[in-house]
């Protein structure tokens, strides 16, 4: 299970808002706003979780390296 801090949740919410906004904007041009809204939301969540997970792995490795 992935546990997120308050700061990570805040960043995820901001990225979600940007993703949905961009998806709606693109959806206007492809004449399918609902599809753009959905894709923007899903892609922004996947990217946010990936970035969060990568940051956790990198910080864990740096802390582990400092101990050794």
N, C-alpha and C. Protein backbone atom coordinates (compact mmCIF):
# COMPACT_ATOMS: atom_id res chain seq x y z
N UNK A 1 0.85 -1.17 0.00
CA UNK A 1 0.00 0.00 0.00
C UNK A 1 0.89 1.24 0.00
N UNK A 2 0.46 2.25 -0.70
CA UNK A 2 1.23 3.48 -0.82
C UNK A 2 0.68 4.52 0.15
N UNK A 3 1.52 4.98 1.06
CA UNK A 3 1.12 6.01 2.02
C UNK A 3 1.69 7.34 1.56
N UNK A 4 0.83 8.35 1.54
CA UNK A 4 1.25 9.67 1.08
C UNK A 4 1.22 10.66 2.24
N UNK A 5 2.19 11.54 2.27
CA UNK A 5 2.20 12.60 3.27
C UNK A 5 1.24 13.71 2.83
N UNK A 6 1.03 14.66 3.73
CA UNK A 6 0.14 15.77 3.40
C UNK A 6 0.67 16.59 2.22
N UNK A 7 1.97 16.77 2.18
CA UNK A 7 2.57 17.54 1.08
C UNK A 7 2.41 16.80 -0.25
N UNK A 8 2.58 15.49 -0.23
CA UNK A 8 2.43 14.70 -1.45
C UNK A 8 0.98 14.71 -1.93
N UNK A 9 0.04 14.67 -1.01
CA UNK A 9 -1.38 14.74 -1.38
C UNK A 9 -1.69 16.10 -1.99
N UNK A 10 -1.10 17.15 -1.42
CA UNK A 10 -1.31 18.50 -1.95
C UNK A 10 -0.77 18.61 -3.38
N UNK A 11 0.44 18.09 -3.60
CA UNK A 11 1.03 18.13 -4.95
C UNK A 11 0.20 17.30 -5.92
N UNK A 12 -0.31 16.17 -5.45
CA UNK A 12 -1.13 15.32 -6.31
C UNK A 12 -2.43 16.02 -6.70
N UNK A 13 -3.03 16.74 -5.75
CA UNK A 13 -4.27 17.47 -6.05
C UNK A 13 -4.02 18.59 -7.06
N UNK A 14 -2.91 19.28 -6.91
CA UNK A 14 -2.57 20.35 -7.85
C UNK A 14 -2.33 19.77 -9.24
N UNK A 15 -1.58 18.67 -9.31
CA UNK A 15 -1.34 18.03 -10.60
C UNK A 15 -2.63 17.51 -11.22
N UNK A 16 -3.53 17.03 -10.39
CA UNK A 16 -4.82 16.55 -10.89
C UNK A 16 -5.62 17.71 -11.51
N UNK A 17 -5.60 18.85 -10.84
CA UNK A 17 -6.31 20.01 -11.38
C UNK A 17 -5.71 20.45 -12.72
N UNK A 18 -4.38 20.49 -12.79
CA UNK A 18 -3.73 20.85 -14.06
C UNK A 18 -4.04 19.83 -15.15
N UNK A 19 -3.99 18.55 -14.81
CA UNK A 19 -4.25 17.50 -15.80
C UNK A 19 -5.67 17.55 -16.33
N UNK A 20 -6.63 17.76 -15.44
CA UNK A 20 -8.02 17.83 -15.88
C UNK A 20 -8.24 19.08 -16.73
N UNK A 21 -7.66 20.20 -16.31
CA UNK A 21 -7.79 21.42 -17.10
C UNK A 21 -7.20 21.28 -18.48
N UNK A 22 -6.02 20.69 -18.55
CA UNK A 22 -5.39 20.47 -19.85
C UNK A 22 -6.19 19.48 -20.68
N UNK A 23 -6.74 18.45 -20.03
CA UNK A 23 -7.56 17.47 -20.75
C UNK A 23 -8.82 18.09 -21.32
N UNK A 24 -9.46 18.96 -20.55
CA UNK A 24 -10.67 19.64 -21.05
C UNK A 24 -10.30 20.55 -22.22
N UNK A 25 -9.18 21.25 -22.09
CA UNK A 25 -8.74 22.14 -23.16
C UNK A 25 -8.47 21.36 -24.45
N UNK A 26 -7.80 20.23 -24.33
CA UNK A 26 -7.55 19.39 -25.50
C UNK A 26 -8.85 18.78 -26.00
N UNK A 27 -9.75 18.42 -25.08
CA UNK A 27 -11.04 17.85 -25.46
C UNK A 27 -11.89 18.79 -26.28
N UNK A 28 -11.72 20.09 -26.06
CA UNK A 28 -12.46 21.07 -26.86
C UNK A 28 -12.05 20.96 -28.33
N UNK A 29 -10.77 20.77 -28.57
CA UNK A 29 -10.28 20.71 -29.95
C UNK A 29 -10.60 19.39 -30.64
N UNK A 30 -10.73 18.31 -29.88
CA UNK A 30 -11.06 17.03 -30.51
C UNK A 30 -12.56 16.75 -30.44
N UNK A 31 -13.33 17.74 -30.00
CA UNK A 31 -14.79 17.66 -29.91
C UNK A 31 -15.27 16.52 -29.02
N UNK A 32 -14.52 16.25 -27.95
CA UNK A 32 -14.93 15.25 -26.97
C UNK A 32 -14.37 15.67 -25.61
N UNK A 33 -15.07 16.60 -24.97
CA UNK A 33 -14.60 17.16 -23.71
C UNK A 33 -14.58 16.10 -22.61
N UNK A 34 -15.57 15.22 -22.59
CA UNK A 34 -15.63 14.19 -21.56
C UNK A 34 -14.43 13.25 -21.63
N UNK A 35 -14.04 12.88 -22.83
CA UNK A 35 -12.87 12.03 -23.01
C UNK A 35 -11.60 12.75 -22.55
N UNK A 36 -11.47 14.01 -22.90
CA UNK A 36 -10.31 14.79 -22.48
C UNK A 36 -10.26 14.94 -20.97
N UNK A 37 -11.41 15.19 -20.35
CA UNK A 37 -11.51 15.29 -18.89
C UNK A 37 -11.04 14.00 -18.23
N UNK A 38 -11.54 12.88 -18.73
CA UNK A 38 -11.21 11.57 -18.15
C UNK A 38 -9.74 11.24 -18.34
N UNK A 39 -9.25 11.40 -19.56
CA UNK A 39 -7.85 11.08 -19.83
C UNK A 39 -6.90 12.00 -19.06
N UNK A 40 -7.25 13.26 -18.97
CA UNK A 40 -6.41 14.20 -18.21
C UNK A 40 -6.33 13.82 -16.75
N UNK A 41 -7.46 13.41 -16.17
CA UNK A 41 -7.47 12.99 -14.77
C UNK A 41 -6.67 11.73 -14.53
N UNK A 42 -6.88 10.74 -15.37
CA UNK A 42 -6.19 9.45 -15.19
C UNK A 42 -4.69 9.61 -15.41
N UNK A 43 -4.31 10.30 -16.46
CA UNK A 43 -2.88 10.47 -16.75
C UNK A 43 -2.19 11.28 -15.65
N UNK A 44 -2.86 12.32 -15.15
CA UNK A 44 -2.23 13.12 -14.10
C UNK A 44 -2.07 12.33 -12.80
N UNK A 45 -3.02 11.46 -12.47
CA UNK A 45 -2.88 10.63 -11.28
C UNK A 45 -1.73 9.64 -11.45
N UNK A 46 -1.65 9.01 -12.61
CA UNK A 46 -0.57 8.05 -12.85
C UNK A 46 0.81 8.72 -12.80
N UNK A 47 0.92 9.88 -13.40
CA UNK A 47 2.19 10.60 -13.39
C UNK A 47 2.54 11.05 -11.97
N UNK A 48 1.57 11.57 -11.24
CA UNK A 48 1.82 12.02 -9.87
C UNK A 48 2.26 10.88 -8.97
N UNK A 49 1.58 9.75 -9.06
CA UNK A 49 1.97 8.60 -8.24
C UNK A 49 3.34 8.07 -8.63
N UNK A 50 3.64 8.08 -9.92
CA UNK A 50 4.96 7.62 -10.37
C UNK A 50 6.07 8.52 -9.84
N UNK A 51 5.87 9.82 -9.94
CA UNK A 51 6.87 10.77 -9.45
C UNK A 51 7.03 10.63 -7.93
N UNK A 52 5.94 10.48 -7.22
CA UNK A 52 5.98 10.32 -5.77
C UNK A 52 6.74 9.05 -5.39
N UNK A 53 6.45 7.97 -6.08
CA UNK A 53 7.10 6.69 -5.80
C UNK A 53 8.60 6.77 -6.09
N UNK A 54 8.97 7.40 -7.20
CA UNK A 54 10.39 7.54 -7.55
C UNK A 54 11.12 8.39 -6.52
N UNK A 55 10.48 9.48 -6.06
CA UNK A 55 11.11 10.32 -5.04
C UNK A 55 11.32 9.55 -3.74
N UNK A 56 10.34 8.72 -3.36
CA UNK A 56 10.49 7.93 -2.13
C UNK A 56 11.63 6.94 -2.26
N UNK A 57 11.75 6.32 -3.41
CA UNK A 57 12.84 5.36 -3.62
C UNK A 57 14.19 6.07 -3.58
N UNK A 58 14.28 7.23 -4.23
CA UNK A 58 15.55 7.96 -4.25
C UNK A 58 15.94 8.45 -2.87
N UNK A 59 15.00 8.98 -2.11
CA UNK A 59 15.32 9.45 -0.76
C UNK A 59 15.69 8.29 0.15
N UNK A 60 15.03 7.16 -0.01
CA UNK A 60 15.38 5.97 0.78
C UNK A 60 16.80 5.51 0.46
N UNK A 61 17.14 5.49 -0.81
CA UNK A 61 18.48 5.07 -1.21
C UNK A 61 19.55 6.04 -0.72
N UNK A 62 19.25 7.34 -0.75
CA UNK A 62 20.21 8.33 -0.25
C UNK A 62 20.42 8.18 1.25
N UNK A 63 19.34 7.96 1.99
CA UNK A 63 19.46 7.78 3.44
C UNK A 63 20.24 6.50 3.75
N UNK A 64 19.98 5.46 2.99
CA UNK A 64 20.67 4.19 3.20
C UNK A 64 22.16 4.34 2.88
N UNK A 65 22.47 5.12 1.85
CA UNK A 65 23.86 5.33 1.45
C UNK A 65 24.61 6.14 2.52
N UNK A 66 23.92 7.11 3.16
CA UNK A 66 24.55 7.93 4.20
C UNK A 66 24.88 7.10 5.43
N UNK A 67 24.04 6.12 5.75
CA UNK A 67 24.27 5.28 6.91
C UNK A 67 25.49 4.40 6.70
N UNK A 68 25.64 3.87 5.50
CA UNK A 68 26.78 3.00 5.21
C UNK A 68 27.98 3.85 5.00
